Amino acid sequence: MSQPGPREVFARLQEYLLASAPDLVADVWAEDVVVETPFAPPGRPRRVHGREDLLALARAGRATMPVRFEEIRDVVVHETADPEVIVVEYEIAGTVTTTNRPAAAGFIGVLRARNGQIVHWREYQNVLAMAEALGRLPDQLAGAAGQHA
């Protein structure tokens, strides 16, 4: 029986994100996964190594993000010459629970899957859209200015 490829692993990740199932999502990530977010907002790591550290960071982030994810849309999957790697473009949409406002942000991910799990994930986030939706844009901009001062 063959292991799920990167497309199938990404499909599972989408299901878990929409279900807000942090305990289920753990099986998507390899124990020694490397996650890179080159455009992470100030104060967030740009590289995380290991499933436990990733899940701890994700749980802490979700606890401070008052958003109910409702849809992952405009998904485009690009195949690469490497059968373990895909590039995905998508938008996550939902509702900011503190304001009841709809919100959406775009992402691009480079996913490497092996043995049915993600072993490397590089995500490019639209952090300004996320900050604006959460009413945190002034803080985001001030933090970015402080990083380059």
Protein backbone atom coordinates (compact mmCIF):
# COMPACT_ATOMS: atom_id res chain seq x y z
CA MET A 1 0.00 0.00 0.00
CA SER A 2 1.50 3.32 -1.03
CA GLN A 3 1.73 6.36 1.21
CA PRO A 4 -0.31 9.48 0.44
CA GLY A 5 1.56 11.96 -1.74
CA PRO A 6 1.87 15.70 -1.17
CA ARG A 7 -1.54 16.50 -2.71
CA GLU A 8 -3.31 14.09 -0.37
CA VAL A 9 -1.37 15.32 2.64
CA PHE A 10 -2.27 18.93 1.80
CA ALA A 11 -5.94 17.91 1.44
CA ARG A 12 -5.83 16.39 4.96
CA LEU A 13 -4.17 19.53 6.32
CA GLN A 14 -6.99 21.65 4.86
CA GLU A 15 -9.65 19.43 6.45
CA TYR A 16 -7.99 19.66 9.86
CA LEU A 17 -7.56 23.43 9.66
CA LEU A 18 -11.25 23.90 8.90
CA ALA A 19 -12.23 21.49 11.66
CA SER A 20 -10.03 23.39 14.14
CA ALA A 21 -8.62 20.02 15.15
CA PRO A 22 -5.16 20.63 16.63
CA ASP A 23 -4.87 17.08 17.93
CA LEU A 24 -5.76 15.56 14.56
CA VAL A 25 -3.43 17.81 12.60
CA ALA A 26 -0.45 16.35 14.46
CA ASP A 27 -0.45 13.27 12.22
CA VAL A 28 0.12 15.45 9.14
CA TRP A 29 3.52 16.65 10.41
CA ALA A 30 6.60 14.43 10.56
CA GLU A 31 8.26 14.24 13.96
CA ASP A 32 11.32 16.12 12.65
CA VAL A 33 9.43 18.53 10.37
CA VAL A 34 11.02 21.85 9.48
CA VAL A 35 8.64 24.78 9.02
CA GLU A 36 9.85 28.08 7.61
CA THR A 37 7.86 31.31 7.44
CA PRO A 38 10.23 33.86 5.89
CA PHE A 39 7.67 36.68 6.23
CA ALA A 40 6.56 35.87 9.76
CA PRO A 41 5.30 38.88 11.73
CA PRO A 42 7.61 40.47 14.30
CA GLY A 43 8.01 38.33 17.38
CA ARG A 44 7.24 35.07 15.58
CA PRO A 45 9.98 32.60 14.63
CA ARG A 46 10.91 32.25 11.00
CA ARG A 47 12.00 28.63 11.45
CA VAL A 48 10.63 25.87 13.67
CA HIS A 49 12.13 22.40 13.90
CA GLY A 50 10.12 19.44 15.19
CA ARG A 51 6.44 18.56 15.43
CA GLU A 52 6.14 19.28 19.16
CA ASP A 53 7.57 22.79 18.86
CA LEU A 54 5.39 23.46 15.82
CA LEU A 55 2.22 22.30 17.55
CA ALA A 56 3.00 24.31 20.68
CA LEU A 57 3.52 27.42 18.56
CA ALA A 58 0.34 26.74 16.57
CA ARG A 59 -1.76 26.25 19.71
CA ALA A 60 -0.43 29.48 21.24
CA GLY A 61 -1.10 31.34 17.99
CA ARG A 62 -4.65 30.03 17.66
CA ALA A 63 -5.38 30.97 21.28
CA THR A 64 -4.68 34.62 20.45
CA MET A 65 -6.35 34.62 17.02
CA PRO A 66 -10.09 35.24 17.30
CA VAL A 67 -10.92 33.80 13.88
CA ARG A 68 -13.24 30.98 12.93
CA PHE A 69 -11.88 29.43 9.74
CA GLU A 70 -14.74 28.68 7.38
CA GLU A 71 -13.28 28.12 3.95
CA ILE A 72 -10.06 27.41 2.14
CA ARG A 73 -10.61 28.70 -1.36
CA ASP A 74 -8.90 29.51 -4.62
CA VAL A 75 -6.63 26.52 -4.14
CA VAL A 76 -4.10 26.02 -6.92
CA VAL A 77 -1.62 23.16 -6.73
CA HIS A 78 1.55 23.30 -8.82
CA GLU A 79 3.44 20.08 -9.44
CA THR A 80 7.24 20.17 -9.44
CA ALA A 81 9.93 17.95 -10.93
CA ASP A 82 10.30 16.40 -7.47
CA PRO A 83 7.41 13.99 -6.73
CA GLU A 84 7.64 14.80 -3.00
CA VAL A 85 7.14 18.55 -3.53
CA ILE A 86 4.18 20.71 -4.51
CA VAL A 87 3.62 24.45 -4.41
CA VAL A 88 0.17 25.49 -3.23
CA GLU A 89 -1.60 28.82 -3.46
CA TYR A 90 -4.71 29.34 -1.38
CA GLU A 91 -6.76 31.76 0.65
CA ILE A 92 -8.17 31.07 4.10
CA ALA A 93 -11.43 32.86 4.83
CA GLY A 94 -13.42 33.11 8.00
CA THR A 95 -15.02 35.37 10.54
CA VAL A 96 -13.27 37.47 13.16
CA THR A 97 -15.23 36.40 16.21
CA THR A 98 -14.65 39.63 18.16
CA THR A 99 -16.14 41.84 15.42
CA ASN A 100 -18.18 39.39 13.33
CA ARG A 101 -16.35 40.76 10.27
CA PRO A 102 -15.43 38.47 7.39
CA ALA A 103 -11.71 38.17 6.77
CA ALA A 104 -9.43 36.42 4.32
CA ALA A 105 -5.71 36.13 3.74
CA GLY A 106 -3.66 34.59 0.97
CA PHE A 107 -0.86 32.08 1.36
CA ILE A 108 1.68 30.26 -0.74
CA GLY A 109 3.18 27.06 0.60
CA VAL A 110 5.98 24.82 -0.57
CA LEU A 111 5.25 21.37 0.81
CA ARG A 112 7.53 18.33 0.88
CA ALA A 113 5.79 15.11 1.94
CA ARG A 114 7.40 11.79 2.68
CA ASN A 115 5.77 8.67 4.14
CA GLY A 116 2.39 10.43 4.20
CA GLN A 117 3.57 13.37 6.35
CA ILE A 118 4.92 16.85 5.78
CA VAL A 119 8.68 16.88 6.35
CA HIS A 120 9.25 20.46 5.17
CA TRP A 121 6.84 23.37 4.82
CA ARG A 122 7.75 26.87 3.69
CA GLU A 123 4.84 29.29 3.94
CA TYR A 124 4.57 32.80 2.58
CA GLN A 125 1.76 34.63 4.36
CA ASN A 126 -0.05 37.86 3.64
CA VAL A 127 0.68 39.10 7.16
CA LEU A 128 -0.65 42.59 6.46
CA ALA A 129 -4.07 41.23 5.46
CA MET A 130 -4.12 39.09 8.59
CA ALA A 131 -3.11 42.02 10.82
CA GLU A 132 -5.68 44.33 9.22
CA ALA A 133 -8.49 41.79 9.66
CA LEU A 134 -7.62 41.41 13.35
CA GLY A 135 -7.29 45.16 13.95
CA ARG A 136 -3.56 44.76 14.59
CA LEU A 137 -2.16 46.58 11.57
CA PRO A 138 -0.70 49.56 13.49
CA ASP A 139 1.09 47.18 15.89
CA GLN A 140 2.30 45.07 12.96
CA LEU A 141 3.72 48.09 11.16
CA ALA A 142 5.33 49.45 14.33
CA GLY A 143 6.91 46.06 15.00
CA ALA A 144 8.24 45.86 11.45
CA ALA A 145 9.68 49.37 11.70
CA GLY A 146 11.37 48.43 14.97
CA GLN A 147 13.00 45.40 13.33
CA HIS A 148 14.68 47.59 10.74
CA ALA A 149 15.65 50.52 12.95
